[in-house]
């Protein structure tokens, strides 16, 4: 639940989680876990100029 910014009340939002959503999430978790085990992390290049991503804040 989320507190309303204009009223002293909480906002209740409902949504449906389908089996397809769960299957996609499981696949993503497995893929990321395997990449972590293989130490497959993104590379930060010195000439990166894409400021729309947070990776420019990281330093090697």
PDB file of N, CA and C in Angstrom:
ATOM      1  N   UNK A   1       0.835  -1.182   0.000  1.00  0.00           N
ATOM      2  CA  UNK A   1       0.000   0.000   0.000  1.00  0.00           C
ATOM      3  C   UNK A   1       0.878   1.244   0.000  1.00  0.00           C
ATOM      4  N   UNK A   2       0.345   2.266  -0.540  1.00  0.00           N
ATOM      5  CA  UNK A   2       1.076   3.521  -0.717  1.00  0.00           C
ATOM      6  C   UNK A   2       0.264   4.650  -0.097  1.00  0.00           C
ATOM      7  N   UNK A   3       0.940   5.518   0.631  1.00  0.00           N
ATOM      8  CA  UNK A   3       0.244   6.631   1.263  1.00  0.00           C
ATOM      9  C   UNK A   3      -0.012   7.731   0.236  1.00  0.00           C
ATOM     10  N   UNK A   4      -1.204   8.281   0.271  1.00  0.00           N
ATOM     11  CA  UNK A   4      -1.588   9.351  -0.628  1.00  0.00           C
ATOM     12  C   UNK A   4      -0.804  10.618  -0.295  1.00  0.00           C
ATOM     13  N   UNK A   5      -0.436  11.367  -1.312  1.00  0.00           N
ATOM     14  CA  UNK A   5       0.302  12.614  -1.112  1.00  0.00           C
ATOM     15  C   UNK A   5      -0.630  13.779  -0.799  1.00  0.00           C
ATOM     16  N   UNK A   6      -1.908  13.621  -1.113  1.00  0.00           N
ATOM     17  CA  UNK A   6      -2.854  14.716  -0.907  1.00  0.00           C
ATOM     18  C   UNK A   6      -3.818  14.478   0.252  1.00  0.00           C
ATOM     19  N   UNK A   7      -4.005  13.221   0.639  1.00  0.00           N
ATOM     20  CA  UNK A   7      -4.932  12.892   1.723  1.00  0.00           C
ATOM     21  C   UNK A   7      -4.197  12.082   2.788  1.00  0.00           C
ATOM     22  N   UNK A   8      -4.749  12.050   3.967  1.00  0.00           N
ATOM     23  CA  UNK A   8      -4.179  11.231   5.032  1.00  0.00           C
ATOM     24  C   UNK A   8      -4.795   9.833   4.950  1.00  0.00           C
ATOM     25  N   UNK A   9      -4.504   9.159   3.863  1.00  0.00           N
ATOM     26  CA  UNK A   9      -5.057   7.835   3.631  1.00  0.00           C
ATOM     27  C   UNK A   9      -4.089   7.030   2.770  1.00  0.00           C
ATOM     28  N   UNK A  10      -4.342   5.744   2.694  1.00  0.00           N
ATOM     29  CA  UNK A  10      -3.515   4.875   1.866  1.00  0.00           C
ATOM     30  C   UNK A  10      -4.245   4.530   0.583  1.00  0.00           C
ATOM     31  N   UNK A  11      -3.486   4.347  -0.469  1.00  0.00           N
ATOM     32  CA  UNK A  11      -4.035   3.991  -1.774  1.00  0.00           C
ATOM     33  C   UNK A  11      -3.847   2.491  -1.960  1.00  0.00           C
ATOM     34  N   UNK A  12      -4.893   1.814  -2.315  1.00  0.00           N
ATOM     35  CA  UNK A  12      -4.819   0.383  -2.563  1.00  0.00           C
ATOM     36  C   UNK A  12      -4.872   0.160  -4.076  1.00  0.00           C
ATOM     37  N   UNK A  13      -3.870  -0.532  -4.578  1.00  0.00           N
ATOM     38  CA  UNK A  13      -3.827  -0.848  -6.000  1.00  0.00           C
ATOM     39  C   UNK A  13      -3.847  -2.359  -6.156  1.00  0.00           C
ATOM     40  N   UNK A  14      -4.627  -2.834  -7.079  1.00  0.00           N
ATOM     41  CA  UNK A  14      -4.712  -4.261  -7.341  1.00  0.00           C
ATOM     42  C   UNK A  14      -4.251  -4.544  -8.761  1.00  0.00           C
ATOM     43  N   UNK A  15      -3.580  -5.666  -8.918  1.00  0.00           N
ATOM     44  CA  UNK A  15      -3.152  -6.089 -10.237  1.00  0.00           C
ATOM     45  C   UNK A  15      -3.076  -7.606 -10.247  1.00  0.00           C
ATOM     46  N   UNK A  16      -3.089  -8.160 -11.409  1.00  0.00           N
ATOM     47  CA  UNK A  16      -3.091  -9.607 -11.563  1.00  0.00           C
ATOM     48  C   UNK A  16      -1.705 -10.089 -11.974  1.00  0.00           C
ATOM     49  N   UNK A  17      -1.225 -11.094 -11.282  1.00  0.00           N
ATOM     50  CA  UNK A  17       0.041 -11.726 -11.633  1.00  0.00           C
ATOM     51  C   UNK A  17      -0.302 -13.062 -12.272  1.00  0.00           C
ATOM     52  N   UNK A  18       0.041 -13.193 -13.532  1.00  0.00           N
ATOM     53  CA  UNK A  18      -0.286 -14.411 -14.264  1.00  0.00           C
ATOM     54  C   UNK A  18       0.865 -15.402 -14.190  1.00  0.00           C
ATOM     55  N   UNK A  19       0.607 -16.614 -14.610  1.00  0.00           N
ATOM     56  CA  UNK A  19       1.661 -17.637 -14.656  1.00  0.00           C
ATOM     57  C   UNK A  19       2.759 -17.215 -15.633  1.00  0.00           C
ATOM     58  N   UNK A  20       2.384 -16.526 -16.675  1.00  0.00           N
ATOM     59  CA  UNK A  20       3.370 -16.020 -17.632  1.00  0.00           C
ATOM     60  C   UNK A  20       4.318 -15.034 -16.969  1.00  0.00           C
ATOM     61  N   UNK A  21       3.788 -14.151 -16.124  1.00  0.00           N
ATOM     62  CA  UNK A  21       4.635 -13.215 -15.384  1.00  0.00           C
ATOM     63  C   UNK A  21       5.615 -13.976 -14.495  1.00  0.00           C
ATOM     64  N   UNK A  22       5.120 -14.989 -13.800  1.00  0.00           N
ATOM     65  CA  UNK A  22       5.976 -15.780 -12.913  1.00  0.00           C
ATOM     66  C   UNK A  22       7.050 -16.530 -13.693  1.00  0.00           C
ATOM     67  N   UNK A  23       6.678 -17.080 -14.836  1.00  0.00           N
ATOM     68  CA  UNK A  23       7.650 -17.793 -15.661  1.00  0.00           C
ATOM     69  C   UNK A  23       8.745 -16.855 -16.158  1.00  0.00           C
ATOM     70  N   UNK A  24       8.360 -15.652 -16.575  1.00  0.00           N
ATOM     71  CA  UNK A  24       9.340 -14.663 -17.024  1.00  0.00           C
ATOM     72  C   UNK A  24      10.280 -14.274 -15.891  1.00  0.00           C
ATOM     73  N   UNK A  25       9.729 -14.069 -14.709  1.00  0.00           N
ATOM     74  CA  UNK A  25      10.540 -13.702 -13.550  1.00  0.00           C
ATOM     75  C   UNK A  25      11.519 -14.819 -13.195  1.00  0.00           C
ATOM     76  N   UNK A  26      11.063 -16.050 -13.199  1.00  0.00           N
ATOM     77  CA  UNK A  26      11.939 -17.193 -12.905  1.00  0.00           C
ATOM     78  C   UNK A  26      13.088 -17.266 -13.900  1.00  0.00           C
ATOM     79  N   UNK A  27      12.779 -17.057 -15.169  1.00  0.00           N
ATOM     80  CA  UNK A  27      13.811 -17.082 -16.207  1.00  0.00           C
ATOM     81  C   UNK A  27      14.840 -15.973 -15.981  1.00  0.00           C
ATOM     82  N   UNK A  28      14.375 -14.783 -15.669  1.00  0.00           N
ATOM     83  CA  UNK A  28      15.287 -13.667 -15.412  1.00  0.00           C
ATOM     84  C   UNK A  28      16.166 -13.933 -14.200  1.00  0.00           C
ATOM     85  N   UNK A  29      15.596 -14.482 -13.149  1.00  0.00           N
ATOM     86  CA  UNK A  29      16.372 -14.784 -11.944  1.00  0.00           C
ATOM     87  C   UNK A  29      17.452 -15.818 -12.251  1.00  0.00           C
ATOM     88  N   UNK A  30      17.088 -16.861 -12.984  1.00  0.00           N
ATOM     89  CA  UNK A  30      18.066 -17.898 -13.346  1.00  0.00           C
ATOM     90  C   UNK A  30      19.182 -17.329 -14.209  1.00  0.00           C
ATOM     91  N   UNK A  31      18.828 -16.483 -15.184  1.00  0.00           N
ATOM     92  CA  UNK A  31      19.829 -15.877 -16.066  1.00  0.00           C
ATOM     93  C   UNK A  31      20.799 -15.000 -15.283  1.00  0.00           C
ATOM     94  N   UNK A  32      20.270 -14.159 -14.405  1.00  0.00           N
ATOM     95  CA  UNK A  32      21.123 -13.262 -13.624  1.00  0.00           C
ATOM     96  C   UNK A  32      21.993 -14.060 -12.659  1.00  0.00           C
ATOM     97  N   UNK A  33      21.436 -15.074 -12.026  1.00  0.00           N
ATOM     98  CA  UNK A  33      22.195 -15.905 -11.101  1.00  0.00           C
ATOM     99  C   UNK A  33      23.366 -16.576 -11.823  1.00  0.00           C
ATOM    100  N   UNK A  34      23.108 -17.095 -13.007  1.00  0.00           N
ATOM    101  CA  UNK A  34      24.173 -17.747 -13.778  1.00  0.00           C
ATOM    102  C   UNK A  34      25.256 -16.741 -14.168  1.00  0.00           C
ATOM    103  N   UNK A  35      24.867 -15.533 -14.538  1.00  0.00           N
ATOM    104  CA  UNK A  35      25.853 -14.504 -14.881  1.00  0.00           C
ATOM    105  C   UNK A  35      26.692 -14.128 -13.663  1.00  0.00           C
ATOM    106  N   UNK A  36      26.071 -14.070 -12.499  1.00  0.00           N
ATOM    107  CA  UNK A  36      26.828 -13.772 -11.279  1.00  0.00           C
ATOM    108  C   UNK A  36      27.834 -14.883 -11.001  1.00  0.00           C
ATOM    109  N   UNK A  37      27.401 -16.142 -11.113  1.00  0.00           N
ATOM    110  CA  UNK A  37      28.311 -17.261 -10.886  1.00  0.00           C
ATOM    111  C   UNK A  37      29.485 -17.246 -11.866  1.00  0.00           C
ATOM    112  N   UNK A  38      29.218 -16.823 -13.099  1.00  0.00           N
ATOM    113  CA  UNK A  38      30.264 -16.770 -14.132  1.00  0.00           C
ATOM    114  C   UNK A  38      31.057 -15.468 -14.094  1.00  0.00           C
ATOM    115  N   UNK A  39      30.753 -14.604 -13.123  1.00  0.00           N
ATOM    116  CA  UNK A  39      31.402 -13.296 -12.993  1.00  0.00           C
ATOM    117  C   UNK A  39      31.255 -12.466 -14.269  1.00  0.00           C
ATOM    118  N   UNK A  40      30.102 -12.547 -14.904  1.00  0.00           N
ATOM    119  CA  UNK A  40      29.813 -11.806 -16.130  1.00  0.00           C
ATOM    120  C   UNK A  40      29.151 -10.482 -15.773  1.00  0.00           C
ATOM    121  N   UNK A  41      29.960  -9.499 -15.481  1.00  0.00           N
ATOM    122  CA  UNK A  41      29.447  -8.182 -15.136  1.00  0.00           C
ATOM    123  C   UNK A  41      29.714  -7.229 -16.293  1.00  0.00           C
ATOM    124  N   UNK A  42      28.969  -6.138 -16.336  1.00  0.00           N
ATOM    125  CA  UNK A  42      29.151  -5.195 -17.426  1.00  0.00           C
ATOM    126  C   UNK A  42      30.519  -4.521 -17.310  1.00  0.00           C
ATOM    127  N   UNK A  43      31.028  -4.106 -18.420  1.00  0.00           N
ATOM    128  CA  UNK A  43      32.323  -3.433 -18.480  1.00  0.00           C
ATOM    129  C   UNK A  43      32.089  -1.930 -18.553  1.00  0.00           C
ATOM    130  N   UNK A  44      32.858  -1.196 -17.821  1.00  0.00           N
ATOM    131  CA  UNK A  44      32.768   0.259 -17.853  1.00  0.00           C
ATOM    132  C   UNK A  44      33.951   0.764 -18.679  1.00  0.00           C
ATOM    133  N   UNK A  45      33.641   1.379 -19.797  1.00  0.00           N
ATOM    134  CA  UNK A  45      34.693   1.894 -20.656  1.00  0.00           C
ATOM    135  C   UNK A  45      35.043   3.329 -20.292  1.00  0.00           C
ATOM    136  N   UNK A  46      36.295   3.735 -20.494  1.00  0.00           N
ATOM    137  CA  UNK A  46      36.707   5.089 -20.151  1.00  0.00           C
ATOM    138  C   UNK A  46      36.063   6.154 -21.035  1.00  0.00           C
ATOM    139  N   UNK A  47      35.554   5.765 -22.196  1.00  0.00           N
ATOM    140  CA  UNK A  47      34.980   6.740 -23.121  1.00  0.00           C
ATOM    141  C   UNK A  47      33.445   6.738 -23.096  1.00  0.00           C
ATOM    142  N   UNK A  48      32.857   6.160 -22.060  1.00  0.00           N
ATOM    143  CA  UNK A  48      31.396   6.109 -21.957  1.00  0.00           C
ATOM    144  C   UNK A  48      30.847   7.519 -21.738  1.00  0.00           C
ATOM    145  N   UNK A  49      29.916   7.934 -22.588  1.00  0.00           N
ATOM    146  CA  UNK A  49      29.311   9.257 -22.464  1.00  0.00           C
ATOM    147  C   UNK A  49      27.807   9.173 -22.232  1.00  0.00           C
ATOM    148  N   UNK A  50      27.308   7.964 -21.998  1.00  0.00           N
ATOM    149  CA  UNK A  50      25.875   7.774 -21.800  1.00  0.00           C
ATOM    150  C   UNK A  50      25.508   8.111 -20.366  1.00  0.00           C
ATOM    151  N   UNK A  51      25.061   9.328 -20.101  1.00  0.00           N
ATOM    152  CA  UNK A  51      24.743   9.787 -18.753  1.00  0.00           C
ATOM    153  C   UNK A  51      23.348   9.374 -18.309  1.00  0.00           C
ATOM    154  N   UNK A  52      22.601   8.648 -19.155  1.00  0.00           N
ATOM    155  CA  UNK A  52      21.268   8.192 -18.782  1.00  0.00           C
ATOM    156  C   UNK A  52      21.297   6.920 -17.940  1.00  0.00           C
ATOM    157  N   UNK A  53      22.464   6.358 -17.755  1.00  0.00           N
ATOM    158  CA  UNK A  53      22.604   5.142 -16.966  1.00  0.00           C
ATOM    159  C   UNK A  53      23.498   5.426 -15.762  1.00  0.00           C
ATOM    160  N   UNK A  54      23.304   4.691 -14.701  1.00  0.00           N
ATOM    161  CA  UNK A  54      24.062   4.923 -13.475  1.00  0.00           C
ATOM    162  C   UNK A  54      25.497   4.419 -13.550  1.00  0.00           C
ATOM    163  N   UNK A  55      25.832   3.623 -14.541  1.00  0.00           N
ATOM    164  CA  UNK A  55      27.176   3.058 -14.568  1.00  0.00           C
ATOM    165  C   UNK A  55      28.268   4.120 -14.694  1.00  0.00           C
ATOM    166  N   UNK A  56      27.910   5.321 -15.133  1.00  0.00           N
ATOM    167  CA  UNK A  56      28.936   6.357 -15.219  1.00  0.00           C
ATOM    168  C   UNK A  56      29.381   6.811 -13.835  1.00  0.00           C
ATOM    169  N   UNK A  57      28.602   6.488 -12.795  1.00  0.00           N
ATOM    170  CA  UNK A  57      28.982   6.857 -11.436  1.00  0.00           C
ATOM    171  C   UNK A  57      30.027   5.905 -10.865  1.00  0.00           C
ATOM    172  N   UNK A  58      30.149   4.736 -11.443  1.00  0.00           N
ATOM    173  CA  UNK A  58      31.094   3.744 -10.935  1.00  0.00           C
ATOM    174  C   UNK A  58      32.466   3.972 -11.522  1.00  0.00           C
ATOM    175  N   UNK A  59      33.464   3.615 -10.771  1.00  0.00           N
ATOM    176  CA  UNK A  59      34.838   3.736 -11.263  1.00  0.00           C
ATOM    177  C   UNK A  59      35.507   2.388 -11.169  1.00  0.00           C
ATOM    178  N   UNK A  60      36.377   2.103 -12.109  1.00  0.00           N
ATOM    179  CA  UNK A  60      37.123   0.834 -12.097  1.00  0.00           C
ATOM    180  C   UNK A  60      38.178   0.866 -11.028  1.00  0.00           C
TER     181      UNK A  60
END
